[in-house]
Amino acid sequence: MTDAQHSHMTSTSDVVSLRVNHLLFINRMSQRELAMRLGAKPTTIYSKMSMANRWNLDDVMGLSHEFAVSPNYLLGLEPIESAVAVNTKRPASEETGRSDSVAGAGFEPTTSGL
């Protein structure tokens, strides 16, 4: 079966479940924790993850916000590799707005050969 044939057999809700599973994995989060963060019952999340129930637009928007991904990512319209863990500590330079690799006073890129 080709990828094109397989993609036609997979529902949008199935794709969302697969993407949420990936996001749970990279964020080291359980379905129970996700339910708590979304204000849902764990059984609700389990039933959607097991594809017994479908994800709706409100779910997709909540997941998008929780995992800092676009709704397009959750719908499978962006590469799966584009998601990053939301609880990953950013480098200090991003948190403070300063870079540790800034040159000292008197540094001139045009004369330094850089």
N, C-alpha and C. Protein backbone atom coordinates (compact mmCIF):
# COMPACT_ATOMS: atom_id res chain seq x y z
N MET A 1 0.85 -1.17 0.00
CA MET A 1 0.00 0.00 0.00
C MET A 1 0.90 1.24 0.00
N THR A 2 0.62 2.20 -0.85
CA THR A 2 1.42 3.41 -0.93
C THR A 2 1.04 4.38 0.19
N ASP A 3 1.90 5.37 0.42
CA ASP A 3 1.60 6.38 1.44
C ASP A 3 0.33 7.14 1.09
N ALA A 4 0.12 7.40 -0.20
CA ALA A 4 -1.07 8.13 -0.62
C ALA A 4 -2.33 7.32 -0.30
N GLN A 5 -2.29 6.01 -0.57
CA GLN A 5 -3.44 5.17 -0.25
C GLN A 5 -3.67 5.10 1.25
N HIS A 6 -2.58 5.00 2.01
CA HIS A 6 -2.70 4.92 3.46
C HIS A 6 -3.26 6.22 4.03
N SER A 7 -2.83 7.37 3.52
CA SER A 7 -3.30 8.64 4.06
C SER A 7 -4.78 8.85 3.82
N HIS A 8 -5.32 8.26 2.74
CA HIS A 8 -6.76 8.38 2.49
C HIS A 8 -7.58 7.52 3.45
N MET A 9 -6.94 6.50 4.02
CA MET A 9 -7.64 5.60 4.92
C MET A 9 -7.60 6.10 6.37
N THR A 10 -6.78 7.09 6.66
CA THR A 10 -6.62 7.59 8.01
C THR A 10 -7.48 8.83 8.19
N SER A 11 -8.29 8.85 9.22
CA SER A 11 -9.13 10.02 9.47
C SER A 11 -8.30 11.14 10.10
N THR A 12 -8.82 12.33 10.03
CA THR A 12 -8.16 13.47 10.65
C THR A 12 -8.01 13.24 12.15
N SER A 13 -9.01 12.68 12.78
CA SER A 13 -8.94 12.41 14.22
C SER A 13 -7.83 11.41 14.54
N ASP A 14 -7.63 10.43 13.66
CA ASP A 14 -6.54 9.47 13.84
C ASP A 14 -5.18 10.18 13.78
N VAL A 15 -5.05 11.11 12.85
CA VAL A 15 -3.80 11.87 12.70
C VAL A 15 -3.55 12.69 13.96
N VAL A 16 -4.59 13.34 14.47
CA VAL A 16 -4.44 14.12 15.70
C VAL A 16 -3.98 13.20 16.84
N SER A 17 -4.56 12.03 16.97
CA SER A 17 -4.16 11.10 18.02
C SER A 17 -2.70 10.70 17.88
N LEU A 18 -2.26 10.44 16.67
CA LEU A 18 -0.86 10.07 16.45
C LEU A 18 0.06 11.22 16.81
N ARG A 19 -0.32 12.44 16.43
CA ARG A 19 0.50 13.60 16.75
C ARG A 19 0.52 13.87 18.25
N VAL A 20 -0.61 13.72 18.92
CA VAL A 20 -0.66 13.92 20.37
C VAL A 20 0.20 12.87 21.06
N ASN A 21 0.16 11.65 20.58
CA ASN A 21 1.00 10.60 21.14
C ASN A 21 2.47 10.98 21.03
N HIS A 22 2.87 11.51 19.89
CA HIS A 22 4.26 11.95 19.70
C HIS A 22 4.59 13.09 20.67
N LEU A 23 3.68 14.04 20.80
CA LEU A 23 3.91 15.17 21.70
C LEU A 23 3.99 14.72 23.16
N LEU A 24 3.16 13.77 23.54
CA LEU A 24 3.24 13.22 24.89
C LEU A 24 4.60 12.58 25.12
N PHE A 25 5.08 11.85 24.14
CA PHE A 25 6.37 11.17 24.25
C PHE A 25 7.51 12.16 24.40
N ILE A 26 7.59 13.16 23.50
CA ILE A 26 8.73 14.07 23.56
C ILE A 26 8.68 14.99 24.77
N ASN A 27 7.49 15.16 25.34
CA ASN A 27 7.35 15.99 26.54
C ASN A 27 7.34 15.18 27.83
N ARG A 28 7.49 13.85 27.69
CA ARG A 28 7.48 12.95 28.84
C ARG A 28 6.26 13.21 29.73
N MET A 29 5.11 13.24 29.06
CA MET A 29 3.85 13.55 29.74
C MET A 29 2.90 12.37 29.58
N SER A 30 2.12 12.12 30.61
CA SER A 30 1.14 11.04 30.55
C SER A 30 -0.19 11.59 30.03
N GLN A 31 -1.06 10.68 29.62
CA GLN A 31 -2.40 11.08 29.21
C GLN A 31 -3.14 11.70 30.40
N ARG A 32 -2.90 11.19 31.57
CA ARG A 32 -3.55 11.72 32.78
C ARG A 32 -3.11 13.17 33.02
N GLU A 33 -1.81 13.44 32.87
CA GLU A 33 -1.32 14.81 33.05
C GLU A 33 -1.90 15.74 31.99
N LEU A 34 -1.97 15.25 30.75
CA LEU A 34 -2.56 16.05 29.69
C LEU A 34 -4.01 16.39 30.02
N ALA A 35 -4.75 15.40 30.49
CA ALA A 35 -6.15 15.64 30.87
C ALA A 35 -6.24 16.72 31.93
N MET A 36 -5.38 16.64 32.93
CA MET A 36 -5.39 17.62 34.00
C MET A 36 -5.11 19.03 33.44
N ARG A 37 -4.12 19.13 32.57
CA ARG A 37 -3.75 20.43 31.99
C ARG A 37 -4.86 21.01 31.11
N LEU A 38 -5.61 20.11 30.46
CA LEU A 38 -6.69 20.57 29.58
C LEU A 38 -8.02 20.72 30.31
N GLY A 39 -8.06 20.30 31.58
CA GLY A 39 -9.31 20.37 32.33
C GLY A 39 -10.32 19.34 31.87
N ALA A 40 -9.81 18.19 31.44
CA ALA A 40 -10.67 17.10 30.95
C ALA A 40 -10.51 15.89 31.86
N LYS A 41 -11.41 14.95 31.72
CA LYS A 41 -11.32 13.70 32.46
C LYS A 41 -10.29 12.80 31.76
N PRO A 42 -9.49 12.07 32.52
CA PRO A 42 -8.54 11.15 31.91
C PRO A 42 -9.21 10.16 30.96
N THR A 43 -10.42 9.71 31.30
CA THR A 43 -11.12 8.76 30.43
C THR A 43 -11.48 9.39 29.08
N THR A 44 -11.72 10.70 29.08
CA THR A 44 -12.02 11.40 27.82
C THR A 44 -10.79 11.39 26.92
N ILE A 45 -9.64 11.73 27.50
CA ILE A 45 -8.40 11.73 26.71
C ILE A 45 -8.08 10.32 26.23
N TYR A 46 -8.24 9.33 27.11
CA TYR A 46 -7.96 7.95 26.72
C TYR A 46 -8.85 7.53 25.55
N SER A 47 -10.12 7.88 25.60
CA SER A 47 -11.02 7.45 24.53
C SER A 47 -10.68 8.13 23.20
N LYS A 48 -10.18 9.35 23.27
CA LYS A 48 -9.78 10.03 22.03
C LYS A 48 -8.45 9.49 21.52
N MET A 49 -7.54 9.21 22.44
CA MET A 49 -6.25 8.66 22.03
C MET A 49 -6.40 7.25 21.46
N SER A 50 -7.36 6.49 21.97
CA SER A 50 -7.56 5.14 21.46
C SER A 50 -8.47 5.14 20.24
N MET A 51 -8.84 6.34 19.81
CA MET A 51 -9.63 6.57 18.60
C MET A 51 -11.07 6.07 18.73
N ALA A 52 -11.52 5.88 19.97
CA ALA A 52 -12.92 5.51 20.20
C ALA A 52 -13.82 6.72 20.00
N ASN A 53 -13.30 7.90 20.36
CA ASN A 53 -14.02 9.17 20.15
C ASN A 53 -13.14 10.10 19.34
N ARG A 54 -13.77 11.04 18.66
CA ARG A 54 -13.05 11.95 17.79
C ARG A 54 -12.65 13.23 18.51
N TRP A 55 -11.53 13.80 18.06
CA TRP A 55 -11.10 15.11 18.52
C TRP A 55 -11.95 16.14 17.82
N ASN A 56 -12.34 17.21 18.53
CA ASN A 56 -13.09 18.28 17.88
C ASN A 56 -12.20 19.53 17.78
N LEU A 57 -12.73 20.58 17.19
CA LEU A 57 -11.94 21.79 16.97
C LEU A 57 -11.47 22.40 18.28
N ASP A 58 -12.33 22.40 19.29
CA ASP A 58 -11.91 22.94 20.60
C ASP A 58 -10.75 22.13 21.17
N ASP A 59 -10.78 20.82 20.99
CA ASP A 59 -9.69 19.96 21.44
C ASP A 59 -8.39 20.33 20.73
N VAL A 60 -8.47 20.47 19.41
CA VAL A 60 -7.29 20.79 18.61
C VAL A 60 -6.70 22.13 19.05
N MET A 61 -7.55 23.11 19.29
CA MET A 61 -7.05 24.42 19.72
C MET A 61 -6.42 24.33 21.11
N GLY A 62 -7.02 23.58 22.02
CA GLY A 62 -6.45 23.40 23.35
C GLY A 62 -5.11 22.68 23.31
N LEU A 63 -5.03 21.64 22.49
CA LEU A 63 -3.77 20.90 22.33
C LEU A 63 -2.70 21.78 21.71
N SER A 64 -3.11 22.57 20.73
CA SER A 64 -2.18 23.47 20.06
C SER A 64 -1.56 24.44 21.07
N HIS A 65 -2.39 24.98 21.93
CA HIS A 65 -1.90 25.92 22.95
C HIS A 65 -1.03 25.19 23.97
N GLU A 66 -1.47 24.06 24.44
CA GLU A 66 -0.74 23.32 25.48
C GLU A 66 0.65 22.89 25.02
N PHE A 67 0.76 22.44 23.76
CA PHE A 67 2.03 21.94 23.26
C PHE A 67 2.80 22.95 22.41
N ALA A 68 2.27 24.16 22.28
CA ALA A 68 2.93 25.22 21.51
C ALA A 68 3.21 24.78 20.08
N VAL A 69 2.22 24.16 19.46
CA VAL A 69 2.30 23.77 18.05
C VAL A 69 1.09 24.38 17.34
N SER A 70 1.17 24.45 16.04
CA SER A 70 0.04 25.00 15.29
C SER A 70 -1.04 23.93 15.11
N PRO A 71 -2.26 24.37 14.91
CA PRO A 71 -3.31 23.39 14.57
C PRO A 71 -2.93 22.60 13.32
N ASN A 72 -2.25 23.23 12.37
CA ASN A 72 -1.82 22.53 11.16
C ASN A 72 -0.89 21.37 11.50
N TYR A 73 -0.03 21.54 12.50
CA TYR A 73 0.84 20.45 12.93
C TYR A 73 -0.01 19.27 13.41
N LEU A 74 -0.98 19.57 14.26
CA LEU A 74 -1.83 18.50 14.80
C LEU A 74 -2.64 17.80 13.73
N LEU A 75 -2.98 18.51 12.67
CA LEU A 75 -3.76 17.93 11.58
C LEU A 75 -2.89 17.20 10.55
N GLY A 76 -1.57 17.19 10.79
CA GLY A 76 -0.67 16.47 9.90
C GLY A 76 -0.22 17.26 8.69
N LEU A 77 -0.40 18.57 8.72
CA LEU A 77 -0.04 19.40 7.57
C LEU A 77 1.36 20.00 7.68
N GLU A 78 2.03 19.73 8.77
CA GLU A 78 3.42 20.14 8.97
C GLU A 78 4.21 18.91 9.37
N PRO A 79 5.51 18.90 9.08
CA PRO A 79 6.33 17.72 9.41
C PRO A 79 6.32 17.41 10.91
N ILE A 80 6.29 16.14 11.22
CA ILE A 80 6.25 15.72 12.62
C ILE A 80 7.50 16.20 13.37
N GLU A 81 8.60 16.35 12.64
CA GLU A 81 9.86 16.78 13.25
C GLU A 81 9.82 18.25 13.69
N SER A 82 8.81 18.99 13.28
CA SER A 82 8.76 20.41 13.63
C SER A 82 8.35 20.65 15.07
N ALA A 83 7.87 19.64 15.76
CA ALA A 83 7.48 19.79 17.18
C ALA A 83 8.69 19.63 18.06
N VAL A 84 8.75 20.46 19.09
CA VAL A 84 9.80 20.36 20.10
C VAL A 84 9.14 20.30 21.47
N ALA A 85 9.85 19.76 22.41
CA ALA A 85 9.32 19.66 23.76
C ALA A 85 9.07 21.05 24.33
N VAL A 86 7.90 21.25 24.92
CA VAL A 86 7.57 22.57 25.46
C VAL A 86 8.21 22.82 26.81
N ASN A 87 8.63 21.78 27.49
CA ASN A 87 9.25 21.98 28.80
C ASN A 87 10.77 21.93 28.72
N THR A 88 11.32 22.05 27.52
CA THR A 88 12.75 22.07 27.35
C THR A 88 13.28 23.42 27.80
N LYS A 89 14.31 23.41 28.62
CA LYS A 89 14.89 24.66 29.09
C LYS A 89 15.62 25.34 27.94
N ARG A 90 15.29 26.60 27.74
CA ARG A 90 15.93 27.36 26.67
C ARG A 90 17.28 27.86 27.15
N PRO A 91 18.20 28.11 26.21
CA PRO A 91 19.49 28.67 26.60
C PRO A 91 19.29 30.01 27.31
N ALA A 92 20.17 30.33 28.23
CA ALA A 92 20.06 31.57 29.00
C ALA A 92 19.98 32.79 28.08
N SER A 93 20.65 32.76 26.96
CA SER A 93 20.63 33.91 26.06
C SER A 93 19.22 34.18 25.54
N GLU A 94 18.40 33.13 25.36
CA GLU A 94 17.03 33.32 24.90
C GLU A 94 16.15 33.83 26.03
N GLU A 95 16.43 33.40 27.25
CA GLU A 95 15.60 33.80 28.37
C GLU A 95 15.85 35.25 28.77
N THR A 96 17.10 35.70 28.67
CA THR A 96 17.44 37.05 29.09
C THR A 96 17.46 38.04 27.94
N GLY A 97 17.49 37.52 26.72
CA GLY A 97 17.58 38.41 25.57
C GLY A 97 19.02 38.80 25.27
N ARG A 98 19.95 38.27 26.08
CA ARG A 98 21.37 38.57 25.87
C ARG A 98 22.06 37.34 25.32
N SER A 99 23.10 37.58 24.60
CA SER A 99 23.88 36.47 24.06
C SER A 99 25.22 36.43 24.75
N ASP A 100 25.65 35.26 25.14
CA ASP A 100 26.96 35.12 25.76
C ASP A 100 28.07 35.19 24.73
N SER A 101 27.72 35.16 23.45
CA SER A 101 28.74 35.15 22.42
C SER A 101 28.91 36.52 21.76
N VAL A 102 28.45 37.57 22.44
CA VAL A 102 28.60 38.92 21.90
C VAL A 102 30.03 39.36 22.13
N ALA A 103 30.62 39.96 21.12
CA ALA A 103 32.00 40.43 21.23
C ALA A 103 32.09 41.63 22.15
N GLY A 104 33.26 41.82 22.70
CA GLY A 104 33.49 42.95 23.59
C GLY A 104 33.53 44.27 22.84
N ALA A 105 33.71 45.35 23.59
CA ALA A 105 33.77 46.69 23.02
C ALA A 105 34.92 46.77 22.04
N GLY A 106 34.70 47.48 20.95
CA GLY A 106 35.73 47.69 19.94
C GLY A 106 35.77 46.63 18.85
N PHE A 107 34.93 45.62 18.97
CA PHE A 107 34.89 44.58 17.95
C PHE A 107 34.22 45.10 16.70
N GLU A 108 34.91 45.00 15.59
CA GLU A 108 34.32 45.44 14.33
C GLU A 108 34.39 44.30 13.34
N PRO A 109 33.24 43.73 12.98
CA PRO A 109 33.22 42.55 12.10
C PRO A 109 33.89 42.78 10.76
N THR A 110 33.83 43.99 10.22
CA THR A 110 34.41 44.22 8.88
C THR A 110 35.92 44.22 8.92
N THR A 111 36.52 44.53 10.06
CA THR A 111 37.98 44.56 10.13
C THR A 111 38.56 43.31 10.77
N SER A 112 37.72 42.50 11.38
CA SER A 112 38.22 41.33 12.09
C SER A 112 38.30 40.09 11.21
N GLY A 113 37.78 40.19 10.00
CA GLY A 113 37.80 39.04 9.11
C GLY A 113 36.59 38.14 9.27
N LEU A 114 35.64 38.52 10.09
CA LEU A 114 34.43 37.71 10.27
C LEU A 114 33.32 38.19 9.39
